[in-house]
Amino acid sequence: MNAHAFLGIDPGLSGAIALYVPSEDTMLIGDVPVHELKRNGKTRREVDVHALAAMIADCAPYKPHVWIEHVSAMPGEGAVGAFTFGKVVGLLTGVCIASGLVLERVTPSVWKKAMGVTADKDGTRARASALLPAHASKWPLKKHDGRAEAALIALYGARQTMQVAA
């Protein structure tokens, strides 16, 4: 399809995936698919791997260049939370690579500085709306900050790729 498509990924159970095609000003966004499982009497959220694979497969015809936020464990995060987050990042990375997509990692500090994003969640949504006004309706609620981040990561990737090509 389009030789210049970009997939931005904000990893995590509350993260999102955004496919951006600048030449068409198309933005498709989906939350990282999760389901709930009961284990030892506790309900846990986990990535729905089959839905994730289908989501990435839907993007594959565009042959997008993938940009994923390169993150590490947060100070004060418990072992279970860190393990779960790492598992999600690994699944997202693995599914993209298995789909034959080119993958780049970018740290939050690098892409946020380049895109003029502040630290707060409302600031992320506001900045995404300012830079991608045609798509602002895709992150209307505070809980949709992952969608705004994924969109901004995709836009960052597009800008980086286009600078290299110029």
N, C-alpha and C. Protein backbone atom coordinates (compact mmCIF):
# COMPACT_ATOMS: atom_id res chain seq x y z
N MET A 1 0.84 -1.18 0.00
CA MET A 1 0.00 0.00 0.00
C MET A 1 0.88 1.25 0.00
N ASN A 2 1.02 1.91 1.15
CA ASN A 2 1.77 3.16 1.23
C ASN A 2 3.17 2.90 1.74
N ALA A 3 4.17 3.42 1.05
CA ALA A 3 5.56 3.21 1.44
C ALA A 3 5.94 4.03 2.66
N HIS A 4 5.12 5.00 3.01
CA HIS A 4 5.46 5.87 4.13
C HIS A 4 4.35 5.84 5.18
N ALA A 5 4.32 4.75 5.91
CA ALA A 5 3.36 4.60 7.01
C ALA A 5 4.17 4.37 8.28
N PHE A 6 3.64 4.82 9.39
CA PHE A 6 4.37 4.76 10.66
C PHE A 6 3.45 4.24 11.74
N LEU A 7 3.97 3.30 12.51
CA LEU A 7 3.23 2.71 13.60
C LEU A 7 3.88 3.17 14.90
N GLY A 8 3.15 3.94 15.70
CA GLY A 8 3.64 4.40 16.99
C GLY A 8 3.04 3.54 18.08
N ILE A 9 3.89 3.09 19.00
CA ILE A 9 3.41 2.23 20.07
C ILE A 9 3.78 2.80 21.43
N ASP A 10 2.74 3.02 22.24
CA ASP A 10 2.90 3.37 23.65
C ASP A 10 2.65 2.07 24.40
N PRO A 11 3.72 1.42 24.89
CA PRO A 11 3.54 0.09 25.50
C PRO A 11 2.88 0.14 26.87
N GLY A 12 2.37 -0.98 27.27
CA GLY A 12 1.73 -1.11 28.58
C GLY A 12 0.31 -1.61 28.43
N LEU A 13 -0.26 -2.06 29.52
CA LEU A 13 -1.63 -2.56 29.48
C LEU A 13 -2.64 -1.46 29.20
N SER A 14 -2.26 -0.21 29.44
CA SER A 14 -3.12 0.93 29.13
C SER A 14 -2.58 1.70 27.94
N GLY A 15 -1.68 1.07 27.19
CA GLY A 15 -1.06 1.71 26.04
C GLY A 15 -1.93 1.63 24.80
N ALA A 16 -1.34 2.06 23.70
CA ALA A 16 -2.09 2.09 22.44
C ALA A 16 -1.14 1.95 21.26
N ILE A 17 -1.74 1.70 20.11
CA ILE A 17 -1.01 1.54 18.86
C ILE A 17 -1.67 2.46 17.84
N ALA A 18 -0.86 3.29 17.15
CA ALA A 18 -1.39 4.23 16.17
C ALA A 18 -0.69 4.04 14.83
N LEU A 19 -1.47 3.83 13.79
CA LEU A 19 -0.96 3.75 12.43
C LEU A 19 -1.20 5.09 11.77
N TYR A 20 -0.13 5.74 11.33
CA TYR A 20 -0.21 7.07 10.72
C TYR A 20 0.32 7.02 9.30
N VAL A 21 -0.49 7.48 8.36
CA VAL A 21 -0.10 7.58 6.95
C VAL A 21 -0.16 9.06 6.58
N PRO A 22 0.99 9.75 6.67
CA PRO A 22 1.00 11.21 6.46
C PRO A 22 0.44 11.66 5.11
N SER A 23 0.75 10.95 4.04
CA SER A 23 0.30 11.38 2.71
C SER A 23 -1.22 11.39 2.58
N GLU A 24 -1.89 10.58 3.38
CA GLU A 24 -3.36 10.53 3.36
C GLU A 24 -3.96 11.20 4.59
N ASP A 25 -3.12 11.66 5.49
CA ASP A 25 -3.53 12.18 6.81
C ASP A 25 -4.50 11.21 7.48
N THR A 26 -4.12 9.92 7.43
CA THR A 26 -4.91 8.85 8.03
C THR A 26 -4.28 8.44 9.35
N MET A 27 -5.09 8.28 10.36
CA MET A 27 -4.62 7.83 11.67
C MET A 27 -5.61 6.79 12.18
N LEU A 28 -5.13 5.56 12.34
CA LEU A 28 -5.93 4.50 12.93
C LEU A 28 -5.34 4.21 14.29
N ILE A 29 -6.18 4.21 15.32
CA ILE A 29 -5.69 4.02 16.68
C ILE A 29 -6.49 2.94 17.38
N GLY A 30 -5.77 2.10 18.12
CA GLY A 30 -6.42 1.10 18.95
C GLY A 30 -5.67 0.95 20.26
N ASP A 31 -6.42 0.68 21.31
CA ASP A 31 -5.79 0.42 22.59
C ASP A 31 -5.11 -0.95 22.53
N VAL A 32 -4.05 -1.13 23.31
CA VAL A 32 -3.43 -2.45 23.40
C VAL A 32 -4.52 -3.40 23.88
N PRO A 33 -4.79 -4.47 23.13
CA PRO A 33 -5.90 -5.36 23.50
C PRO A 33 -5.56 -6.18 24.75
N VAL A 34 -6.47 -6.15 25.70
CA VAL A 34 -6.28 -6.90 26.95
C VAL A 34 -7.53 -7.70 27.26
N HIS A 35 -7.35 -8.70 28.09
CA HIS A 35 -8.48 -9.43 28.65
C HIS A 35 -8.17 -9.72 30.11
N GLU A 36 -9.21 -10.08 30.83
CA GLU A 36 -9.04 -10.36 32.25
C GLU A 36 -9.02 -11.86 32.48
N LEU A 37 -8.11 -12.28 33.35
CA LEU A 37 -7.98 -13.69 33.72
C LEU A 37 -8.03 -13.79 35.23
N LYS A 38 -8.62 -14.87 35.73
CA LYS A 38 -8.61 -15.12 37.17
C LYS A 38 -7.52 -16.12 37.47
N ARG A 39 -6.65 -15.74 38.40
CA ARG A 39 -5.58 -16.63 38.85
C ARG A 39 -5.48 -16.53 40.36
N ASN A 40 -5.52 -17.67 41.00
CA ASN A 40 -5.42 -17.71 42.46
C ASN A 40 -6.43 -16.77 43.12
N GLY A 41 -7.62 -16.72 42.56
CA GLY A 41 -8.68 -15.90 43.14
C GLY A 41 -8.56 -14.41 42.82
N LYS A 42 -7.56 -14.00 42.05
CA LYS A 42 -7.38 -12.59 41.70
C LYS A 42 -7.62 -12.40 40.21
N THR A 43 -8.20 -11.27 39.88
CA THR A 43 -8.42 -10.93 38.49
C THR A 43 -7.23 -10.11 38.02
N ARG A 44 -6.63 -10.54 36.93
CA ARG A 44 -5.46 -9.85 36.35
C ARG A 44 -5.75 -9.52 34.89
N ARG A 45 -5.23 -8.39 34.47
CA ARG A 45 -5.32 -8.01 33.06
C ARG A 45 -4.05 -8.48 32.36
N GLU A 46 -4.23 -9.03 31.17
CA GLU A 46 -3.10 -9.48 30.36
C GLU A 46 -3.35 -9.09 28.91
N VAL A 47 -2.28 -8.98 28.14
CA VAL A 47 -2.42 -8.71 26.72
C VAL A 47 -3.13 -9.89 26.06
N ASP A 48 -4.09 -9.59 25.23
CA ASP A 48 -4.75 -10.60 24.41
C ASP A 48 -3.85 -10.78 23.18
N VAL A 49 -2.98 -11.76 23.24
CA VAL A 49 -1.95 -11.95 22.21
C VAL A 49 -2.56 -12.17 20.83
N HIS A 50 -3.64 -12.92 20.77
CA HIS A 50 -4.26 -13.19 19.46
C HIS A 50 -4.85 -11.91 18.86
N ALA A 51 -5.49 -11.10 19.68
CA ALA A 51 -6.03 -9.82 19.20
C ALA A 51 -4.90 -8.87 18.81
N LEU A 52 -3.81 -8.89 19.59
CA LEU A 52 -2.66 -8.06 19.25
C LEU A 52 -2.07 -8.46 17.91
N ALA A 53 -1.90 -9.77 17.70
CA ALA A 53 -1.35 -10.25 16.43
C ALA A 53 -2.26 -9.85 15.27
N ALA A 54 -3.57 -9.93 15.46
CA ALA A 54 -4.52 -9.53 14.42
C ALA A 54 -4.43 -8.04 14.14
N MET A 55 -4.26 -7.25 15.21
CA MET A 55 -4.16 -5.80 15.07
C MET A 55 -2.92 -5.43 14.25
N ILE A 56 -1.80 -6.04 14.57
CA ILE A 56 -0.56 -5.76 13.84
C ILE A 56 -0.68 -6.29 12.40
N ALA A 57 -1.30 -7.44 12.22
CA ALA A 57 -1.50 -8.00 10.87
C ALA A 57 -2.33 -7.05 10.01
N ASP A 58 -3.31 -6.38 10.61
CA ASP A 58 -4.12 -5.41 9.88
C ASP A 58 -3.28 -4.23 9.38
N CYS A 59 -2.21 -3.92 10.10
CA CYS A 59 -1.33 -2.81 9.72
C CYS A 59 -0.26 -3.25 8.73
N ALA A 60 0.07 -4.53 8.71
CA ALA A 60 1.18 -5.04 7.90
C ALA A 60 1.10 -4.69 6.42
N PRO A 61 -0.08 -4.67 5.78
CA PRO A 61 -0.10 -4.32 4.35
C PRO A 61 0.46 -2.91 4.07
N TYR A 62 0.41 -2.03 5.06
CA TYR A 62 0.97 -0.68 4.90
C TYR A 62 2.50 -0.68 4.99
N LYS A 63 3.05 -1.80 5.45
CA LYS A 63 4.50 -1.93 5.68
C LYS A 63 5.02 -0.74 6.50
N PRO A 64 4.40 -0.53 7.66
CA PRO A 64 4.80 0.64 8.44
C PRO A 64 6.17 0.47 9.10
N HIS A 65 6.84 1.58 9.26
CA HIS A 65 8.05 1.63 10.06
C HIS A 65 7.56 1.80 11.49
N VAL A 66 7.96 0.91 12.38
CA VAL A 66 7.45 0.90 13.75
C VAL A 66 8.37 1.69 14.67
N TRP A 67 7.77 2.54 15.48
CA TRP A 67 8.49 3.29 16.52
C TRP A 67 7.81 2.93 17.84
N ILE A 68 8.57 2.33 18.74
CA ILE A 68 8.04 1.93 20.04
C ILE A 68 8.79 2.67 21.13
N GLU A 69 8.05 3.11 22.13
CA GLU A 69 8.68 3.80 23.24
C GLU A 69 9.58 2.83 24.00
N HIS A 70 10.84 3.22 24.14
CA HIS A 70 11.84 2.39 24.83
C HIS A 70 11.84 2.80 26.30
N VAL A 71 11.27 1.95 27.11
CA VAL A 71 11.08 2.26 28.52
C VAL A 71 11.75 1.22 29.40
N SER A 72 11.89 1.58 30.65
CA SER A 72 12.45 0.64 31.62
C SER A 72 11.60 0.71 32.88
N ALA A 73 11.91 -0.13 33.83
CA ALA A 73 11.15 -0.16 35.09
C ALA A 73 11.21 1.20 35.77
N MET A 74 10.11 1.55 36.41
CA MET A 74 10.02 2.83 37.10
C MET A 74 10.46 2.66 38.55
N PRO A 75 11.14 3.66 39.10
CA PRO A 75 11.53 3.57 40.52
C PRO A 75 10.29 3.40 41.40
N GLY A 76 10.38 2.50 42.34
CA GLY A 76 9.27 2.26 43.25
C GLY A 76 8.22 1.30 42.72
N GLU A 77 8.38 0.86 41.47
CA GLU A 77 7.43 -0.10 40.90
C GLU A 77 7.74 -1.47 41.48
N GLY A 78 6.71 -2.20 41.84
CA GLY A 78 6.90 -3.53 42.40
C GLY A 78 7.37 -4.52 41.35
N ALA A 79 7.83 -5.67 41.84
CA ALA A 79 8.35 -6.70 40.95
C ALA A 79 7.28 -7.22 39.99
N VAL A 80 6.06 -7.42 40.48
CA VAL A 80 5.00 -7.93 39.61
C VAL A 80 4.68 -6.92 38.52
N GLY A 81 4.58 -5.66 38.89
CA GLY A 81 4.28 -4.61 37.91
C GLY A 81 5.39 -4.49 36.87
N ALA A 82 6.63 -4.52 37.31
CA ALA A 82 7.76 -4.43 36.38
C ALA A 82 7.79 -5.63 35.44
N PHE A 83 7.53 -6.82 35.99
CA PHE A 83 7.52 -8.03 35.16
C PHE A 83 6.40 -7.96 34.13
N THR A 84 5.22 -7.55 34.56
CA THR A 84 4.08 -7.44 33.65
C THR A 84 4.36 -6.44 32.54
N PHE A 85 4.91 -5.29 32.91
CA PHE A 85 5.21 -4.27 31.91
C PHE A 85 6.24 -4.78 30.91
N GLY A 86 7.29 -5.42 31.41
CA GLY A 86 8.31 -5.98 30.53
C GLY A 86 7.74 -7.03 29.59
N LYS A 87 6.81 -7.81 30.09
CA LYS A 87 6.17 -8.84 29.27
C LYS A 87 5.38 -8.19 28.12
N VAL A 88 4.67 -7.11 28.43
CA VAL A 88 3.89 -6.40 27.41
C VAL A 88 4.83 -5.83 26.34
N VAL A 89 5.91 -5.19 26.76
CA VAL A 89 6.87 -4.64 25.82
C VAL A 89 7.45 -5.74 24.94
N GLY A 90 7.78 -6.87 25.54
CA GLY A 90 8.31 -8.00 24.78
C GLY A 90 7.32 -8.55 23.78
N LEU A 91 6.06 -8.66 24.17
CA LEU A 91 5.03 -9.15 23.25
C LEU A 91 4.84 -8.19 22.07
N LEU A 92 4.76 -6.90 22.36
CA LEU A 92 4.60 -5.91 21.29
C LEU A 92 5.78 -5.96 20.33
N THR A 93 6.99 -6.02 20.87
CA THR A 93 8.19 -6.08 20.05
C THR A 93 8.22 -7.36 19.22
N GLY A 94 7.96 -8.47 19.86
CA GLY A 94 8.00 -9.76 19.17
C GLY A 94 6.99 -9.89 18.06
N VAL A 95 5.77 -9.43 18.29
CA VAL A 95 4.73 -9.52 17.26
C VAL A 95 5.11 -8.64 16.06
N CYS A 96 5.64 -7.46 16.32
CA CYS A 96 6.05 -6.59 15.21
C CYS A 96 7.19 -7.22 14.40
N ILE A 97 8.19 -7.74 15.08
CA ILE A 97 9.32 -8.36 14.38
C ILE A 97 8.87 -9.61 13.63
N ALA A 98 8.02 -10.42 14.25
CA ALA A 98 7.53 -11.63 13.59
C ALA A 98 6.69 -11.28 12.35
N SER A 99 6.12 -10.08 12.33
CA SER A 99 5.34 -9.64 11.18
C SER A 99 6.23 -9.04 10.08
N GLY A 100 7.53 -9.03 10.32
CA GLY A 100 8.47 -8.52 9.33
C GLY A 100 8.57 -7.01 9.28
N LEU A 101 8.17 -6.34 10.33
CA LEU A 101 8.20 -4.88 10.35
C LEU A 101 9.53 -4.37 10.90
N VAL A 102 9.98 -3.25 10.36
CA VAL A 102 11.20 -2.59 10.84
C VAL A 102 10.84 -1.86 12.13
N LEU A 103 11.67 -2.05 13.16
CA LEU A 103 11.36 -1.53 14.49
C LEU A 103 12.47 -0.61 14.98
N GLU A 104 12.07 0.55 15.48
CA GLU A 104 12.99 1.50 16.12
C GLU A 104 12.50 1.71 17.55
N ARG A 105 13.42 1.95 18.44
CA ARG A 105 13.07 2.28 19.82
C ARG A 105 13.45 3.73 20.08
N VAL A 106 12.60 4.44 20.80
CA VAL A 106 12.88 5.83 21.13
C VAL A 106 12.49 6.06 22.59
N THR A 107 13.38 6.69 23.34
CA THR A 107 13.11 6.94 24.75
C THR A 107 12.06 8.05 24.89
N PRO A 108 11.30 8.01 25.98
CA PRO A 108 10.30 9.05 26.20
C PRO A 108 10.92 10.46 26.19
N SER A 109 12.09 10.60 26.81
CA SER A 109 12.69 11.94 26.87
C SER A 109 13.02 12.48 25.49
N VAL A 110 13.44 11.61 24.58
CA VAL A 110 13.81 12.06 23.23
C VAL A 110 12.57 12.45 22.42
N TRP A 111 11.57 11.57 22.35
CA TRP A 111 10.43 11.91 21.50
C TRP A 111 9.59 13.04 22.11
N LYS A 112 9.48 13.07 23.44
CA LYS A 112 8.69 14.13 24.07
C LYS A 112 9.33 15.50 23.88
N LYS A 113 10.66 15.56 23.98
CA LYS A 113 11.35 16.83 23.75
C LYS A 113 11.17 17.27 22.30
N ALA A 114 11.34 16.35 21.37
CA ALA A 114 11.20 16.68 19.95
C ALA A 114 9.78 17.13 19.59
N MET A 115 8.80 16.59 20.27
CA MET A 115 7.41 16.91 19.96
C MET A 115 6.84 18.01 20.86
N GLY A 116 7.63 18.51 21.80
CA GLY A 116 7.18 19.58 22.67
C GLY A 116 6.12 19.15 23.66
N VAL A 117 6.27 17.94 24.19
CA VAL A 117 5.28 17.38 25.12
C VAL A 117 5.72 17.62 26.56
N THR A 118 4.77 18.03 27.39
CA THR A 118 5.04 18.20 28.81
C THR A 118 4.81 16.87 29.52
N ALA A 119 5.12 16.82 30.79
CA ALA A 119 5.05 15.57 31.55
C ALA A 119 3.62 15.13 31.88
N ASP A 120 2.68 16.07 31.97
CA ASP A 120 1.34 15.66 32.43
C ASP A 120 0.50 15.08 31.29
N LYS A 121 -0.44 14.22 31.68
CA LYS A 121 -1.26 13.48 30.73
C LYS A 121 -2.15 14.40 29.89
N ASP A 122 -2.72 15.43 30.52
CA ASP A 122 -3.55 16.37 29.77
C ASP A 122 -2.72 17.12 28.75
N GLY A 123 -1.46 17.41 29.11
CA GLY A 123 -0.55 18.08 28.19
C GLY A 123 -0.26 17.24 26.95
N THR A 124 -0.18 15.94 27.15
CA THR A 124 0.06 15.03 26.03
C THR A 124 -1.12 15.06 25.07
N ARG A 125 -2.32 14.99 25.59
CA ARG A 125 -3.51 15.02 24.74
C ARG A 125 -3.65 16.37 24.04
N ALA A 126 -3.34 17.44 24.76
CA ALA A 126 -3.44 18.78 24.17
C ALA A 126 -2.41 18.95 23.04
N ARG A 127 -1.20 18.47 23.27
CA ARG A 127 -0.16 18.60 22.24
C ARG A 127 -0.50 17.75 21.01
N ALA A 128 -0.99 16.55 21.24
CA ALA A 128 -1.40 15.69 20.12
C ALA A 128 -2.52 16.37 19.33
N SER A 129 -3.44 17.00 20.02
CA SER A 129 -4.55 17.69 19.35
C SER A 129 -4.04 18.89 18.55
N ALA A 130 -3.04 19.58 19.07
CA ALA A 130 -2.48 20.73 18.36
C ALA A 130 -1.72 20.30 17.11
N LEU A 131 -0.97 19.19 17.20
CA LEU A 131 -0.16 18.74 16.07
C LEU A 131 -0.95 17.90 15.06
N LEU A 132 -2.00 17.25 15.53
CA LEU A 132 -2.82 16.38 14.68
C LEU A 132 -4.30 16.73 14.87
N PRO A 133 -4.69 17.98 14.55
CA PRO A 133 -6.07 18.43 14.85
C PRO A 133 -7.16 17.60 14.20
N ALA A 134 -6.90 17.04 13.05
CA ALA A 134 -7.92 16.23 12.37
C ALA A 134 -8.23 14.94 13.12
N HIS A 135 -7.37 14.58 14.08
CA HIS A 135 -7.52 13.31 14.79
C HIS A 135 -7.78 13.48 16.29
N ALA A 136 -7.98 14.72 16.73
CA ALA A 136 -8.14 15.02 18.15
C ALA A 136 -9.30 14.26 18.81
N SER A 137 -10.29 13.88 18.03
CA SER A 137 -11.44 13.16 18.60
C SER A 137 -11.09 11.74 19.02
N LYS A 138 -9.89 11.28 18.71
CA LYS A 138 -9.49 9.90 19.02
C LYS A 138 -8.93 9.75 20.43
N TRP A 139 -8.73 10.84 21.15
CA TRP A 139 -8.26 10.78 22.54
C TRP A 139 -9.02 11.81 23.40
N PRO A 140 -10.36 11.65 23.48
CA PRO A 140 -11.18 12.65 24.17
C PRO A 140 -11.09 12.62 25.69
N LEU A 141 -10.76 11.48 26.28
CA LEU A 141 -10.79 11.35 27.73
C LEU A 141 -9.38 11.25 28.30
N LYS A 142 -9.25 11.61 29.57
CA LYS A 142 -7.97 11.53 30.26
C LYS A 142 -7.35 10.13 30.14
N LYS A 143 -8.20 9.10 30.21
CA LYS A 143 -7.71 7.73 30.13
C LYS A 143 -7.18 7.37 28.74
N HIS A 144 -7.38 8.24 27.75
CA HIS A 144 -6.90 8.01 26.39
C HIS A 144 -5.53 8.63 26.13
N ASP A 145 -4.81 8.96 27.19
CA ASP A 145 -3.48 9.56 27.00
C ASP A 145 -2.54 8.61 26.25
N GLY A 146 -2.73 7.30 26.40
CA GLY A 146 -1.92 6.33 25.66
C GLY A 146 -2.14 6.44 24.16
N ARG A 147 -3.38 6.73 23.77
CA ARG A 147 -3.67 6.93 22.34
C ARG A 147 -2.95 8.16 21.82
N ALA A 148 -3.00 9.24 22.61
CA ALA A 148 -2.31 10.47 22.20
C ALA A 148 -0.81 10.24 22.11
N GLU A 149 -0.26 9.49 23.08
CA GLU A 149 1.17 9.20 23.04
C GLU A 149 1.53 8.35 21.83
N ALA A 150 0.74 7.33 21.53
CA ALA A 150 1.01 6.49 20.36
C ALA A 150 0.97 7.32 19.08
N ALA A 151 0.00 8.23 18.98
CA ALA A 151 -0.10 9.09 17.80
C ALA A 151 1.12 10.00 17.68
N LEU A 152 1.55 10.55 18.80
CA LEU A 152 2.73 11.42 18.78
C LEU A 152 4.01 10.65 18.47
N ILE A 153 4.10 9.42 18.94
CA ILE A 153 5.27 8.59 18.62
C ILE A 153 5.28 8.28 17.12
N ALA A 154 4.12 8.00 16.55
CA ALA A 154 4.04 7.76 15.10
C ALA A 154 4.43 9.02 14.32
N LEU A 155 3.94 10.17 14.77
CA LEU A 155 4.30 11.44 14.13
C LEU A 155 5.80 11.72 14.27
N TYR A 156 6.34 11.45 15.45
CA TYR A 156 7.78 11.58 15.66
C TYR A 156 8.54 10.71 14.66
N GLY A 157 8.13 9.45 14.53
CA GLY A 157 8.78 8.54 13.58
C GLY A 157 8.72 9.05 12.16
N ALA A 158 7.56 9.58 11.77
CA ALA A 158 7.40 10.12 10.43
C ALA A 158 8.37 11.29 10.21
N ARG A 159 8.45 12.17 11.19
CA ARG A 159 9.35 13.32 11.07
C ARG A 159 10.81 12.88 11.01
N GLN A 160 11.19 11.92 11.83
CA GLN A 160 12.57 11.43 11.82
C GLN A 160 12.92 10.79 10.49
N THR A 161 12.02 9.98 9.98
CA THR A 161 12.25 9.29 8.72
C THR A 161 12.34 10.27 7.56
N MET A 162 11.48 11.26 7.58
CA MET A 162 11.46 12.24 6.49
C MET A 162 12.68 13.15 6.53
N GLN A 163 13.21 13.42 7.75
CA GLN A 163 14.45 14.22 7.87
C GLN A 163 15.62 13.47 7.29
N VAL A 164 15.68 12.16 7.54
CA VAL A 164 16.77 11.34 7.03
C VAL A 164 16.71 11.27 5.51
N ALA A 165 15.48 11.19 4.97
CA ALA A 165 15.31 11.08 3.52
C ALA A 165 15.63 12.38 2.80
N ALA A 166 15.50 13.51 3.50
CA ALA A 166 15.71 14.82 2.87
C ALA A 166 17.17 15.13 2.61
